Amino acid sequence: MTIFTIRTAIGREEQVVDFLSTNAEKSDGIHAILSPHGVVGYIFIEADSVTDVQHVSYRVPYVRGVLTKPVTIDAIDHLIEFKPENVDIQLGDTVEIIGGPFKGERGRVTRLKTEKSEVIVELLEAAVPIPITLNLDSVKVVGKENRE
């Protein structure tokens, strides 16, 4: 099995993965589809041959081409290896938003997505609690939840 690269329209990687996975269900030659976080414009496919990749990507919207030269796993290993960041934010903590349209607001952490470096916050002074997804760099902890 070999890894091939598909060029896509920037920002449309998820849609292309959805189309490709639907087409790959009908094909025996496709083994895995990978769209690493932070890589824009490219998707990696593990397949038996470049012909299989071209077959499943034929007429898929936002596909810009298939690179026929295979990629080694060593070349993309750093893209697929998950290295969790040391995050000092935990569920229930009070944070101040330091960037974006809600700058200066305070909120409570309801969920953490460390693999995407995101935190989901509900604003404290909002009439209706609305979850807001923010980058970890856009918040700072101002109050810790009481932990036993």
Protein backbone atom coordinates (compact mmCIF):
# COMPACT_ATOMS: atom_id res chain seq x y z
CA MET A 1 0.00 0.00 0.00
CA THR A 2 1.17 3.48 -0.86
CA ILE A 3 0.25 7.00 0.25
CA PHE A 4 -0.79 9.48 -2.43
CA THR A 5 -1.62 13.19 -2.21
CA ILE A 6 -4.73 14.94 -3.54
CA ARG A 7 -4.69 18.72 -4.07
CA THR A 8 -7.91 20.44 -3.03
CA ALA A 9 -9.39 23.91 -2.90
CA ILE A 10 -8.20 25.64 0.26
CA GLY A 11 -10.77 25.42 3.04
CA ARG A 12 -12.73 22.62 1.36
CA GLU A 13 -10.72 19.69 2.70
CA GLU A 14 -13.53 18.35 4.92
CA GLN A 15 -16.03 18.37 2.07
CA VAL A 16 -13.59 16.57 -0.21
CA VAL A 17 -12.95 13.95 2.49
CA ASP A 18 -16.72 13.37 2.76
CA PHE A 19 -17.05 12.91 -1.02
CA LEU A 20 -13.97 10.68 -1.19
CA SER A 21 -15.07 8.48 1.71
CA THR A 22 -18.42 7.93 0.01
CA ASN A 23 -16.69 6.96 -3.22
CA ALA A 24 -14.10 4.85 -1.38
CA GLU A 25 -16.81 2.63 0.10
CA LYS A 26 -17.41 1.34 -3.43
CA SER A 27 -13.70 0.74 -4.10
CA ASP A 28 -11.51 -2.00 -2.67
CA GLY A 29 -8.24 -0.19 -3.41
CA ILE A 30 -8.62 2.66 -0.86
CA HIS A 31 -7.58 1.90 2.72
CA ALA A 32 -7.41 5.27 4.52
CA ILE A 33 -8.12 8.97 3.98
CA LEU A 34 -6.29 11.59 6.04
CA SER A 35 -6.78 15.33 6.28
CA PRO A 36 -4.36 16.51 9.00
CA HIS A 37 -5.30 19.55 11.07
CA GLY A 38 -3.35 22.59 9.93
CA VAL A 39 -2.61 21.27 6.43
CA VAL A 40 -4.58 23.24 3.86
CA GLY A 41 -5.08 22.29 0.25
CA TYR A 42 -3.95 18.67 0.55
CA ILE A 43 -5.41 15.31 1.55
CA PHE A 44 -3.49 12.05 1.88
CA ILE A 45 -4.91 8.71 0.75
CA GLU A 46 -3.52 5.26 1.41
CA ALA A 47 -4.29 3.12 -1.62
CA ASP A 48 -3.05 0.19 -3.69
CA SER A 49 -2.35 2.31 -6.77
CA VAL A 50 -2.61 5.83 -8.15
CA THR A 51 -5.34 4.57 -10.49
CA ASP A 52 -7.56 3.78 -7.50
CA VAL A 53 -7.03 7.30 -6.15
CA GLN A 54 -7.81 8.86 -9.53
CA HIS A 55 -10.93 6.71 -9.81
CA VAL A 56 -12.42 7.79 -6.43
CA SER A 57 -11.48 11.44 -6.96
CA TYR A 58 -12.89 11.66 -10.49
CA ARG A 59 -15.49 14.47 -10.72
CA VAL A 60 -15.33 15.21 -7.00
CA PRO A 61 -15.97 18.91 -6.39
CA TYR A 62 -13.00 20.97 -5.14
CA VAL A 63 -10.40 18.34 -6.14
CA ARG A 64 -7.64 20.14 -8.05
CA GLY A 65 -5.55 17.10 -8.94
CA VAL A 66 -3.83 13.91 -7.84
CA LEU A 67 -0.08 13.86 -7.36
CA THR A 68 1.15 10.65 -8.96
CA LYS A 69 4.39 10.48 -6.99
CA PRO A 70 3.82 8.53 -3.76
CA VAL A 71 4.66 10.01 -0.36
CA THR A 72 6.58 8.13 2.33
CA ILE A 73 5.16 7.83 5.80
CA ASP A 74 8.32 9.50 7.14
CA ALA A 75 7.53 12.63 5.12
CA ILE A 76 4.09 13.09 6.71
CA ASP A 77 4.72 11.51 10.11
CA HIS A 78 5.03 14.89 11.83
CA LEU A 79 1.59 15.85 10.48
CA ILE A 80 -0.25 12.85 11.86
CA GLU A 81 1.47 12.47 15.22
CA PHE A 82 -0.65 14.02 17.95
CA LYS A 83 1.36 15.95 20.51
CA PRO A 84 -0.97 17.30 23.20
CA GLU A 85 -0.12 20.70 24.54
CA ASN A 86 0.31 21.29 28.22
CA VAL A 87 -2.94 23.15 28.87
CA ASP A 88 -3.65 24.73 32.24
CA ILE A 89 -7.34 25.24 31.46
CA GLN A 90 -9.89 22.79 32.83
CA LEU A 91 -13.65 22.39 32.68
CA GLY A 92 -15.50 24.94 34.80
CA ASP A 93 -12.68 27.49 34.87
CA THR A 94 -13.53 31.15 34.38
CA VAL A 95 -11.65 32.71 31.49
CA GLU A 96 -11.34 36.16 29.99
CA ILE A 97 -11.45 36.41 26.21
CA ILE A 98 -8.39 38.35 25.05
CA GLY A 99 -8.95 38.23 21.30
CA GLY A 100 -11.70 38.25 18.71
CA PRO A 101 -15.14 39.88 18.69
CA PHE A 102 -15.85 38.97 22.33
CA LYS A 103 -12.64 40.54 23.65
CA GLY A 104 -12.98 41.61 27.28
CA GLU A 105 -15.90 39.26 28.04
CA ARG A 106 -15.72 36.54 30.65
CA GLY A 107 -16.97 33.02 30.30
CA ARG A 108 -16.97 29.54 31.78
CA VAL A 109 -15.21 26.63 30.04
CA THR A 110 -17.71 23.94 29.08
CA ARG A 111 -15.53 21.78 26.82
CA LEU A 112 -11.89 21.42 25.75
CA LYS A 113 -10.59 20.19 22.40
CA THR A 114 -6.85 19.93 23.00
CA GLU A 115 -6.22 18.12 19.71
CA LYS A 116 -7.52 21.20 17.86
CA SER A 117 -6.26 23.74 20.43
CA GLU A 118 -9.81 24.95 20.99
CA VAL A 119 -11.91 25.72 24.03
CA ILE A 120 -15.69 26.07 24.15
CA VAL A 121 -16.88 28.84 26.45
CA GLU A 122 -20.30 30.09 27.58
CA LEU A 123 -20.40 33.82 28.29
CA LEU A 124 -21.22 34.62 31.91
CA GLU A 125 -23.19 37.83 31.33
CA ALA A 126 -25.22 36.62 28.35
CA ALA A 127 -28.97 36.34 28.80
CA VAL A 128 -28.97 33.01 26.99
CA PRO A 129 -25.96 30.68 27.31
CA ILE A 130 -24.46 30.37 23.83
CA PRO A 131 -21.40 28.14 23.33
CA ILE A 132 -18.52 29.93 21.62
CA THR A 133 -15.56 28.05 20.17
CA LEU A 134 -12.27 29.89 20.62
CA ASN A 135 -8.61 29.20 20.06
CA LEU A 136 -6.66 28.50 23.25
CA ASP A 137 -4.52 31.54 22.47
CA SER A 138 -7.61 33.77 22.68
CA VAL A 139 -8.36 33.12 26.36
CA LYS A 140 -6.62 33.48 29.69
CA VAL A 141 -7.67 31.89 32.97
CA VAL A 142 -8.89 34.37 35.57
CA GLY A 143 -10.50 31.94 38.03
CA LYS A 144 -10.03 28.26 38.74
CA GLU A 145 -12.90 25.95 39.51
CA ASN A 146 -12.84 24.77 43.12
CA ARG A 147 -11.25 21.32 43.01
CA GLU A 148 -11.16 18.91 45.90
